[in-house]
Structure formats: C-alpha cells, structure tokens
Amino acid sequence: MALIRQLVTEYIIFPLGSLLVRQRFPEHVKSFLFYGPTGTGKTQMVRAIAHETKSMVFDLSPMNIDSKFNANKAECEKLVAMVFVVAKEYQPALIYIDEAEKIWPAKKKKKKGQKKTSKKANDMSDPKRIEKALGKWRSKWITEDTRITIVACTSEPHEGNKKKFKKFFDKAIYFPFPDYTTRRLMWKTFIFELGGHLKNEFPLSTLAHISAGYSAGSIKKTCENVLTEFRKSKVSQYFIL
C-alpha cells in the first residue's frame, strides 16, 4: 500500500495539484486505471486524490450516464465534450469512471454450436458508446497546460479489452488484498469503531491469519454484521465496554 501511495502522489496528486509541477513533470500522464478485487480501496483512493488536490470530480461511470444523452452519436459526443470543457474551466478536475470494463468490454467468444444473435448497430444504451469520444477529447483537452486527469476503476479487468486498456490508459495500478499486518490493524480499528476496546488476550492474530484474502471492505462488513450489541455482551470477557 505504501508503494501505491507513492505512485499516486508522484503521478497524480503532484501534477494535478500544481500547474508548475504539471508543466515540468518529465512524464506527462493523462489517464490511470486502478484495478483489483472489490473492497481494496480503489474508489477511496479516488476520493483521497480529489480531497488532496481540491479537484472537481466528473463521474462518467456507466451507472451515472445510464439513460442520459443516448439518443444518437451526436448526443454521446456532446456528453463527453461538455464534461471536458467544464473540466478545463474549473480545473483541477478529475474525470472518474467506475466499472471501466463496461466502457471497454472484451469480445465474448462464441461457443461451438451457438447461433449468432442479432444486435442493433450503434446501440446507444450500451455504456461503451462513449469510448470513441473519450479517446478523442482526451487527446485534445488533456495537455501539459491543463490539470485534468482521468482515473478509472475496475474489479473485473478480465472482462475488459486488454488492448484497449493499454491504448487508452498511460498507467495501471494494482490494488491487492491487505497483508497480515494491515489486516491485524483493520480488525482492531473496526472493532474499536463499533464501541469495543480489546483486551490483551483477545486472539487478534488469529483473526488476521484466517482472514487472508479478505479485502478491507469485507473485514469492515464482517465486523458490522457480527458485533451487534447482543453478541458483544456475550463475549464481554474479551472486551472492555
């Protein structure tokens, strides 16, 4: 996680937060892809970037643009163009795209014997309708003199088109599951937030070991579901309430 913070600080926060750094940055990075399991902090990192750089956030996630500007190609072009124009006017700006695999989907392989299904050409309800417009306006509006950055997140990178990901995103950062030390701290922190102070004999190390492969979100949700008032009263020998 320390390496992730370093990469985000050097490549996103500094250039986005300072025009001087942006102009002198040796490697001009326009877009980033955050990928990794659900609950590993990708969206939280985007919020932290926006907070630290005081950036305006424009959400072009599939869920957010559903049923908007989808009448024809011109409408899709207008949607993306409006976002970039306003982003330049109110920079620093962060263009956020969640579920990136839906904007740049992988081609699905047909099984043997499967019949071809007829699809409407240029389906304007499909999230990938903004793909071409994003590529066009990204090159035009994100320059060394503009503090605009695109950050996309995906928990299912295998569902996306790898070639298109590499072409559109300058850098990709992997968010892994937390390690043992981090999990141990998370259990302690989340339990404390729910009103319990652990005694020295509480088997915190055991929790950290058996939760290998858990994300931060999973650990937090587990604490919230398990540590009810009734259950805390039953295990009071481990808590100082």
Protein backbone atom coordinates (compact mmCIF):
# COMPACT_ATOMS: atom_id res chain seq x y z
CA MET A 1 0.00 0.00 0.00
CA ALA A 2 2.95 2.31 0.64
CA LEU A 3 4.06 1.85 -2.96
CA ILE A 4 0.56 2.66 -4.21
CA ARG A 5 0.51 5.87 -2.16
CA GLN A 6 3.90 6.84 -3.58
CA LEU A 7 2.83 6.23 -7.18
CA VAL A 8 -0.45 8.10 -6.73
CA THR A 9 1.31 11.03 -5.06
CA GLU A 10 4.03 11.36 -7.71
CA TYR A 11 1.97 10.71 -10.83
CA ILE A 12 -1.44 12.12 -9.92
CA ILE A 13 -1.56 14.35 -6.83
CA PHE A 14 1.52 16.49 -7.50
CA PRO A 15 0.84 17.18 -11.23
CA LEU A 16 -2.89 17.64 -10.63
CA GLY A 17 -2.45 19.89 -7.61
CA SER A 18 0.23 22.17 -9.05
CA LEU A 19 0.42 23.70 -12.54
CA LEU A 20 4.18 24.20 -12.14
CA VAL A 21 4.72 20.52 -11.43
CA ARG A 22 2.42 19.63 -14.32
CA GLN A 23 4.47 21.69 -16.76
CA ARG A 24 7.81 20.38 -15.51
CA PHE A 25 6.80 16.77 -14.98
CA PRO A 26 9.09 14.67 -17.19
CA GLU A 27 6.40 12.10 -18.00
CA HIS A 28 3.00 13.53 -18.87
CA VAL A 29 0.39 11.01 -17.73
CA LYS A 30 -3.19 11.62 -18.83
CA SER A 31 -5.10 8.61 -17.58
CA PHE A 32 -4.83 5.88 -14.94
CA LEU A 33 -6.51 2.54 -14.40
CA PHE A 34 -6.98 1.25 -10.84
CA TYR A 35 -7.70 -2.48 -10.83
CA GLY A 36 -8.01 -5.11 -8.13
CA PRO A 37 -10.55 -7.03 -6.03
CA THR A 38 -13.66 -5.36 -4.69
CA GLY A 39 -13.15 -3.52 -1.40
CA THR A 40 -9.40 -2.93 -1.73
CA GLY A 41 -9.68 0.88 -1.68
CA LYS A 42 -9.78 1.93 -5.34
CA THR A 43 -12.72 4.31 -5.04
CA GLN A 44 -11.48 5.52 -1.66
CA MET A 45 -8.17 6.44 -3.30
CA VAL A 46 -10.02 8.47 -5.94
CA ARG A 47 -11.80 10.38 -3.16
CA ALA A 48 -8.49 10.98 -1.42
CA ILE A 49 -6.98 12.37 -4.63
CA ALA A 50 -9.92 14.73 -5.11
CA HIS A 51 -9.67 15.87 -1.49
CA GLU A 52 -5.91 16.46 -1.51
CA THR A 53 -5.89 18.33 -4.84
CA LYS A 54 -9.23 20.10 -4.25
CA SER A 55 -10.35 18.85 -7.66
CA MET A 56 -13.82 18.90 -9.13
CA VAL A 57 -14.96 15.34 -9.88
CA PHE A 58 -16.90 14.43 -13.02
CA ASP A 59 -18.44 10.95 -12.87
CA LEU A 60 -18.74 9.21 -16.25
CA SER A 61 -19.37 5.76 -14.78
CA PRO A 62 -21.86 3.55 -16.67
CA MET A 63 -24.31 3.73 -13.78
CA ASN A 64 -24.18 7.52 -13.76
CA ILE A 65 -24.62 8.05 -17.51
CA ASP A 66 -27.33 5.41 -17.93
CA SER A 67 -30.28 6.80 -19.98
CA LYS A 68 -28.51 10.14 -20.43
CA PHE A 69 -27.52 11.66 -23.79
CA ASN A 70 -28.17 8.35 -25.54
CA ALA A 71 -30.39 9.39 -28.44
CA ASN A 72 -27.64 9.19 -31.07
CA LYS A 73 -23.89 9.50 -31.63
CA ALA A 74 -24.04 13.28 -31.54
CA GLU A 75 -25.59 13.16 -28.07
CA CYS A 76 -22.79 10.89 -26.79
CA GLU A 77 -20.19 13.20 -28.27
CA LYS A 78 -21.92 16.15 -26.64
CA LEU A 79 -21.92 14.48 -23.22
CA VAL A 80 -18.18 13.82 -23.20
CA ALA A 81 -17.35 17.18 -24.79
CA MET A 82 -19.34 19.08 -22.16
CA VAL A 83 -17.52 17.27 -19.37
CA PHE A 84 -14.07 18.13 -20.76
CA VAL A 85 -14.99 21.76 -21.49
CA VAL A 86 -16.31 22.31 -17.96
CA ALA A 87 -13.36 20.36 -16.51
CA LYS A 88 -10.94 22.74 -18.22
CA GLU A 89 -12.88 25.74 -16.95
CA TYR A 90 -12.88 24.51 -13.34
CA GLN A 91 -9.53 22.73 -13.21
CA PRO A 92 -8.00 20.95 -11.39
CA ALA A 93 -10.50 18.32 -12.41
CA LEU A 94 -10.76 14.58 -12.03
CA ILE A 95 -12.80 12.53 -14.51
CA TYR A 96 -13.85 9.35 -12.72
CA ILE A 97 -15.03 6.17 -14.44
CA ASP A 98 -16.10 3.17 -12.37
CA GLU A 99 -16.69 -0.27 -13.91
CA ALA A 100 -14.27 0.50 -16.73
CA GLU A 101 -14.73 -2.97 -18.17
CA LYS A 102 -18.17 -1.87 -19.40
CA ILE A 103 -16.77 1.07 -21.36
CA TRP A 104 -14.00 -1.04 -22.93
CA PRO A 105 -15.54 -4.56 -22.90
CA ALA A 106 -13.72 -7.65 -24.11
CA LYS A 107 -15.06 -9.51 -27.12
CA LYS A 108 -17.02 -12.52 -25.98
CA LYS A 109 -16.02 -15.79 -27.59
CA LYS A 110 -18.84 -17.77 -29.14
CA LYS A 111 -19.29 -21.36 -28.07
CA LYS A 112 -19.47 -24.17 -30.61
CA GLY A 113 -22.95 -24.57 -31.98
CA GLN A 114 -24.10 -21.22 -30.61
CA LYS A 115 -26.23 -19.26 -33.03
CA LYS A 116 -25.44 -15.69 -33.90
CA THR A 117 -27.61 -13.20 -32.08
CA SER A 118 -28.68 -10.09 -33.93
CA LYS A 119 -27.66 -6.88 -32.23
CA LYS A 120 -28.73 -3.38 -33.07
CA ALA A 121 -25.97 -1.39 -34.69
CA ASN A 122 -24.68 1.51 -32.64
CA ASP A 123 -26.71 0.64 -29.56
CA MET A 124 -26.96 3.94 -27.70
CA SER A 125 -27.96 2.29 -24.43
CA ASP A 126 -24.61 0.49 -24.19
CA PRO A 127 -22.06 2.17 -21.83
CA LYS A 128 -19.31 1.68 -24.44
CA ARG A 129 -21.00 4.31 -26.60
CA ILE A 130 -18.70 6.97 -25.08
CA GLU A 131 -15.49 5.03 -25.79
CA LYS A 132 -14.53 6.82 -29.01
CA ALA A 133 -15.50 10.24 -27.69
CA LEU A 134 -13.31 9.71 -24.61
CA GLY A 135 -10.31 8.89 -26.76
CA LYS A 136 -10.88 11.90 -29.00
CA TRP A 137 -11.37 14.51 -26.27
CA ARG A 138 -8.68 13.03 -24.03
CA SER A 139 -6.04 13.82 -26.64
CA LYS A 140 -7.43 17.28 -27.33
CA TRP A 141 -8.04 18.65 -23.84
CA ILE A 142 -5.55 16.93 -21.53
CA THR A 143 -2.24 18.66 -22.18
CA GLU A 144 0.76 19.90 -20.20
CA ASP A 145 -1.11 23.16 -19.57
CA THR A 146 -4.33 21.63 -18.24
CA ARG A 147 -4.73 19.96 -14.87
CA ILE A 148 -7.21 17.27 -15.89
CA THR A 149 -6.72 13.59 -15.14
CA ILE A 150 -8.84 10.53 -15.94
CA VAL A 151 -8.98 7.78 -13.32
CA ALA A 152 -10.94 4.61 -13.99
CA CYS A 153 -11.55 1.66 -11.67
CA THR A 154 -12.40 -1.96 -12.32
CA SER A 155 -12.80 -5.03 -10.14
CA GLU A 156 -13.10 -7.26 -13.19
CA PRO A 157 -10.22 -6.38 -15.54
CA HIS A 158 -10.59 -9.78 -17.25
CA GLU A 159 -13.96 -8.58 -18.57
CA GLY A 160 -12.30 -5.63 -20.31
CA ASN A 161 -10.37 -5.42 -23.56
CA LYS A 162 -6.65 -5.54 -22.66
CA LYS A 163 -5.51 -3.90 -25.89
CA LYS A 164 -7.92 -1.01 -25.48
CA PHE A 165 -6.96 -0.62 -21.82
CA LYS A 166 -3.28 -0.35 -22.75
CA LYS A 167 -4.04 2.09 -25.55
CA PHE A 168 -6.21 4.45 -23.50
CA PHE A 169 -4.58 4.31 -20.06
CA ASP A 170 -1.00 5.50 -19.65
CA LYS A 171 -0.52 3.67 -16.35
CA ALA A 172 -2.29 0.91 -14.42
CA ILE A 173 -2.03 0.42 -10.64
CA TYR A 174 -2.96 -2.85 -8.96
CA PHE A 175 -4.71 -2.76 -5.59
CA PRO A 176 -4.02 -6.07 -3.78
CA PHE A 177 -5.63 -7.65 -0.74
CA PRO A 178 -4.18 -6.31 2.54
CA ASP A 179 -1.25 -8.19 4.10
CA TYR A 180 -1.18 -9.73 7.59
CA THR A 181 -0.04 -6.57 9.41
CA THR A 182 -2.65 -4.44 7.69
CA ARG A 183 -5.42 -6.96 8.36
CA ARG A 184 -4.49 -7.09 12.04
CA LEU A 185 -4.72 -3.31 12.26
CA MET A 186 -8.02 -3.27 10.38
CA TRP A 187 -9.67 -5.76 12.71
CA LYS A 188 -8.56 -3.74 15.72
CA THR A 189 -9.64 -0.42 14.20
CA PHE A 190 -13.07 -1.56 13.01
CA ILE A 191 -13.84 -3.27 16.33
CA PHE A 192 -12.84 -0.09 18.16
CA GLU A 193 -15.12 1.98 15.90
CA LEU A 194 -18.03 -0.28 16.84
CA GLY A 195 -17.55 0.54 20.52
CA GLY A 196 -15.32 -2.25 21.77
CA HIS A 197 -11.82 -1.99 23.27
CA LEU A 198 -9.97 -5.30 23.03
CA LYS A 199 -8.18 -6.86 25.98
CA ASN A 200 -4.61 -8.13 25.62
CA GLU A 201 -5.70 -11.78 25.47
CA PHE A 202 -8.05 -11.23 22.52
CA PRO A 203 -6.89 -13.52 19.62
CA LEU A 204 -6.36 -10.70 17.14
CA SER A 205 -3.51 -12.55 15.41
CA THR A 206 -5.82 -15.49 14.73
CA LEU A 207 -8.33 -13.21 13.06
CA ALA A 208 -5.59 -11.70 10.91
CA HIS A 209 -4.37 -15.16 9.85
CA ILE A 210 -7.74 -16.68 8.96
CA SER A 211 -8.83 -13.55 7.05
CA ALA A 212 -6.11 -13.90 4.41
CA GLY A 213 -7.70 -12.94 1.09
CA TYR A 214 -10.22 -10.61 2.75
CA SER A 215 -10.49 -7.05 1.47
CA ALA A 216 -10.81 -4.06 3.77
CA GLY A 217 -14.46 -3.78 2.85
CA SER A 218 -15.06 -7.45 3.71
CA ILE A 219 -13.40 -7.09 7.12
CA LYS A 220 -15.44 -4.00 7.93
CA LYS A 221 -18.69 -5.60 6.82
CA THR A 222 -17.93 -8.70 8.89
CA CYS A 223 -17.40 -6.59 12.00
CA GLU A 224 -20.63 -4.70 11.41
CA ASN A 225 -22.66 -7.88 10.88
CA VAL A 226 -21.18 -9.85 13.78
CA LEU A 227 -20.56 -7.29 16.51
CA THR A 228 -24.13 -6.49 17.47
CA GLU A 229 -24.94 -5.26 20.97
CA PHE A 230 -26.23 -8.70 21.94
CA ARG A 231 -23.12 -10.52 20.75
CA LYS A 232 -20.78 -8.00 22.36
CA SER A 233 -22.48 -8.65 25.69
CA LYS A 234 -21.94 -12.41 25.24
CA VAL A 235 -18.22 -12.05 24.54
CA SER A 236 -17.63 -9.34 27.11
CA GLN A 237 -14.68 -11.30 28.52
CA TYR A 238 -12.66 -10.09 25.51
CA PHE A 239 -13.97 -6.53 25.53
CA ILE A 240 -13.76 -3.52 27.80
CA LEU A 241 -17.14 -1.92 27.16
